[in-house]
Amino acid sequence: MAAGPLDRRVQFQRATLVDDGTAMVEAFANHGSPVWAERMDLSDGERWRAGEIQAHVTTRFRVRYSAFTAALTPKDRLVCEGTTFDIAGIKQAPERRTFLEITAAARADQ
């Protein structure tokens, strides 16, 4: 994936355990400041090969490598333009320690 414009702001979220009065439950809250990202929706063929069977949008985000982004995990999630994405995977881009590529999915039917 060639470097394109980092023209979207994404907010990462991390789960923490909170007491809801009856039990400890997982709740997501903003994690860090928003970062610039490139967004590229995967083609239907890529979604088919990935085994997508529900109405999901699978997207690859590209963000600059930093200590903050390098510490993200698939347990985190991200929000882009009001849509919440579950992170499926994170890998270094071919330009090592320059960018990270984050593959994420969001329900398209909600």
C-alpha atoms as a PDB file:
ATOM      1  CA  MET A   1       0.000   0.000   0.000  1.00  0.00           C
ATOM      2  CA  ALA A   2       1.706   3.173  -1.148  1.00  0.00           C
ATOM      3  CA  ALA A   3       1.691   6.100   1.220  1.00  0.00           C
ATOM      4  CA  GLY A   4      -1.323   8.283   0.575  1.00  0.00           C
ATOM      5  CA  PRO A   5      -2.646  11.340   2.307  1.00  0.00           C
ATOM      6  CA  LEU A   6      -3.139  11.117   6.042  1.00  0.00           C
ATOM      7  CA  ASP A   7      -6.410  13.022   5.736  1.00  0.00           C
ATOM      8  CA  ARG A   8      -8.639  11.461   8.423  1.00  0.00           C
ATOM      9  CA  ARG A   9      -8.603  11.907  12.181  1.00  0.00           C
ATOM     10  CA  VAL A  10      -9.056   8.692  14.137  1.00  0.00           C
ATOM     11  CA  GLN A  11      -9.589   8.328  17.862  1.00  0.00           C
ATOM     12  CA  PHE A  12      -8.408   5.163  19.539  1.00  0.00           C
ATOM     13  CA  GLN A  13     -10.357   3.693  22.429  1.00  0.00           C
ATOM     14  CA  ARG A  14      -9.270   1.262  25.129  1.00  0.00           C
ATOM     15  CA  ALA A  15     -11.422  -0.892  27.397  1.00  0.00           C
ATOM     16  CA  THR A  16     -11.226  -0.601  31.147  1.00  0.00           C
ATOM     17  CA  LEU A  17     -13.167  -2.367  33.865  1.00  0.00           C
ATOM     18  CA  VAL A  18     -15.775  -0.184  35.595  1.00  0.00           C
ATOM     19  CA  ASP A  19     -18.257  -0.957  38.339  1.00  0.00           C
ATOM     20  CA  ASP A  20     -21.831  -0.610  37.035  1.00  0.00           C
ATOM     21  CA  GLY A  21     -23.291  -1.089  40.516  1.00  0.00           C
ATOM     22  CA  THR A  22     -23.772  -4.841  40.208  1.00  0.00           C
ATOM     23  CA  ALA A  23     -20.621  -6.097  38.514  1.00  0.00           C
ATOM     24  CA  MET A  24     -17.363  -5.068  36.925  1.00  0.00           C
ATOM     25  CA  VAL A  25     -18.021  -4.520  33.215  1.00  0.00           C
ATOM     26  CA  GLU A  26     -15.822  -3.524  30.298  1.00  0.00           C
ATOM     27  CA  ALA A  27     -16.305   0.035  29.005  1.00  0.00           C
ATOM     28  CA  PHE A  28     -14.399   1.779  26.213  1.00  0.00           C
ATOM     29  CA  ALA A  29     -13.025   5.285  26.657  1.00  0.00           C
ATOM     30  CA  ASN A  30     -10.870   7.509  24.471  1.00  0.00           C
ATOM     31  CA  HIS A  31      -7.202   6.559  24.587  1.00  0.00           C
ATOM     32  CA  GLY A  32      -4.702   9.271  23.715  1.00  0.00           C
ATOM     33  CA  SER A  33      -5.268  12.145  21.334  1.00  0.00           C
ATOM     34  CA  PRO A  34      -6.689  11.704  17.824  1.00  0.00           C
ATOM     35  CA  VAL A  35      -4.101  10.889  15.152  1.00  0.00           C
ATOM     36  CA  TRP A  36      -4.010  11.465  11.399  1.00  0.00           C
ATOM     37  CA  ALA A  37      -4.661   8.392   9.252  1.00  0.00           C
ATOM     38  CA  GLU A  38      -5.173   7.251   5.700  1.00  0.00           C
ATOM     39  CA  ARG A  39      -8.329   5.171   5.166  1.00  0.00           C
ATOM     40  CA  MET A  40      -8.709   2.539   2.454  1.00  0.00           C
ATOM     41  CA  ASP A  41     -11.769   0.283   2.316  1.00  0.00           C
ATOM     42  CA  LEU A  42     -10.900  -3.247   1.192  1.00  0.00           C
ATOM     43  CA  SER A  43     -12.333  -4.557  -2.068  1.00  0.00           C
ATOM     44  CA  ASP A  44     -15.134  -7.141  -2.133  1.00  0.00           C
ATOM     45  CA  GLY A  45     -12.603  -9.782  -3.208  1.00  0.00           C
ATOM     46  CA  GLU A  46     -10.430  -9.077  -0.188  1.00  0.00           C
ATOM     47  CA  ARG A  47     -13.480  -9.271   2.096  1.00  0.00           C
ATOM     48  CA  TRP A  48     -14.533 -12.585   0.500  1.00  0.00           C
ATOM     49  CA  ARG A  49     -11.053 -14.053   0.955  1.00  0.00           C
ATOM     50  CA  ALA A  50     -11.109 -12.906   4.574  1.00  0.00           C
ATOM     51  CA  GLY A  51     -14.308 -14.910   5.120  1.00  0.00           C
ATOM     52  CA  GLU A  52     -16.658 -11.981   5.738  1.00  0.00           C
ATOM     53  CA  ILE A  53     -20.242 -13.260   5.925  1.00  0.00           C
ATOM     54  CA  GLN A  54     -22.070 -10.442   7.720  1.00  0.00           C
ATOM     55  CA  ALA A  55     -22.635  -6.863   6.656  1.00  0.00           C
ATOM     56  CA  HIS A  56     -19.237  -5.484   7.649  1.00  0.00           C
ATOM     57  CA  VAL A  57     -17.039  -2.788   6.239  1.00  0.00           C
ATOM     58  CA  THR A  58     -13.426  -3.927   6.388  1.00  0.00           C
ATOM     59  CA  THR A  59     -10.976  -1.065   6.250  1.00  0.00           C
ATOM     60  CA  ARG A  60      -7.236  -0.594   6.403  1.00  0.00           C
ATOM     61  CA  PHE A  61      -5.967   2.473   8.215  1.00  0.00           C
ATOM     62  CA  ARG A  62      -2.409   3.697   7.888  1.00  0.00           C
ATOM     63  CA  VAL A  63      -0.988   5.798  10.729  1.00  0.00           C
ATOM     64  CA  ARG A  64       2.456   7.175  11.460  1.00  0.00           C
ATOM     65  CA  TYR A  65       4.607   4.954  13.641  1.00  0.00           C
ATOM     66  CA  SER A  66       5.134   6.393  17.138  1.00  0.00           C
ATOM     67  CA  ALA A  67       5.569   5.037  20.651  1.00  0.00           C
ATOM     68  CA  PHE A  68       1.820   5.563  21.135  1.00  0.00           C
ATOM     69  CA  THR A  69       0.659   3.786  17.950  1.00  0.00           C
ATOM     70  CA  ALA A  70       3.204   0.977  18.411  1.00  0.00           C
ATOM     71  CA  ALA A  71       1.585   0.194  21.784  1.00  0.00           C
ATOM     72  CA  LEU A  72      -1.906  -0.312  20.281  1.00  0.00           C
ATOM     73  CA  THR A  73      -3.313  -3.852  20.273  1.00  0.00           C
ATOM     74  CA  PRO A  74      -6.282  -5.660  18.692  1.00  0.00           C
ATOM     75  CA  LYS A  75      -8.045  -5.272  22.057  1.00  0.00           C
ATOM     76  CA  ASP A  76      -8.300  -1.543  21.283  1.00  0.00           C
ATOM     77  CA  ARG A  77     -10.691  -0.061  18.765  1.00  0.00           C
ATOM     78  CA  LEU A  78     -10.841   3.104  16.713  1.00  0.00           C
ATOM     79  CA  VAL A  79     -13.455   5.652  15.701  1.00  0.00           C
ATOM     80  CA  CYS A  80     -13.328   7.335  12.301  1.00  0.00           C
ATOM     81  CA  GLU A  81     -15.984   9.821  11.187  1.00  0.00           C
ATOM     82  CA  GLY A  82     -18.465   8.528  13.754  1.00  0.00           C
ATOM     83  CA  THR A  83     -18.033   4.830  12.920  1.00  0.00           C
ATOM     84  CA  THR A  84     -16.507   2.480  15.490  1.00  0.00           C
ATOM     85  CA  PHE A  85     -14.120  -0.159  14.143  1.00  0.00           C
ATOM     86  CA  ASP A  86     -12.896  -3.283  15.924  1.00  0.00           C
ATOM     87  CA  ILE A  87      -9.194  -3.801  15.246  1.00  0.00           C
ATOM     88  CA  ALA A  88      -8.448  -7.152  13.610  1.00  0.00           C
ATOM     89  CA  GLY A  89      -4.721  -6.740  13.123  1.00  0.00           C
ATOM     90  CA  ILE A  90      -1.787  -4.335  13.249  1.00  0.00           C
ATOM     91  CA  LYS A  91       1.409  -4.667  11.239  1.00  0.00           C
ATOM     92  CA  GLN A  92       4.372  -2.559  10.270  1.00  0.00           C
ATOM     93  CA  ALA A  93       4.239  -1.125   6.783  1.00  0.00           C
ATOM     94  CA  PRO A  94       7.053  -2.062   4.392  1.00  0.00           C
ATOM     95  CA  GLU A  95       8.714   1.231   5.338  1.00  0.00           C
ATOM     96  CA  ARG A  96       9.759  -0.089   8.757  1.00  0.00           C
ATOM     97  CA  ARG A  97       9.146   2.247  11.720  1.00  0.00           C
ATOM     98  CA  THR A  98       7.515   4.801   9.469  1.00  0.00           C
ATOM     99  CA  PHE A  99       3.890   3.630   9.316  1.00  0.00           C
ATOM    100  CA  LEU A 100       1.619   1.020  10.880  1.00  0.00           C
ATOM    101  CA  GLU A 101      -1.229  -0.594   8.964  1.00  0.00           C
ATOM    102  CA  ILE A 102      -4.328  -1.338  11.011  1.00  0.00           C
ATOM    103  CA  THR A 103      -6.976  -3.658   9.593  1.00  0.00           C
ATOM    104  CA  ALA A 104     -10.351  -3.063  11.227  1.00  0.00           C
ATOM    105  CA  ALA A 105     -14.017  -3.930  10.710  1.00  0.00           C
ATOM    106  CA  ALA A 106     -17.277  -2.155  11.476  1.00  0.00           C
ATOM    107  CA  ARG A 107     -20.867  -3.331  11.197  1.00  0.00           C
ATOM    108  CA  ALA A 108     -22.354  -1.729   8.064  1.00  0.00           C
ATOM    109  CA  ASP A 109     -25.939  -2.621   8.906  1.00  0.00           C
ATOM    110  CA  GLN A 110     -26.263  -0.639  12.125  1.00  0.00           C
END
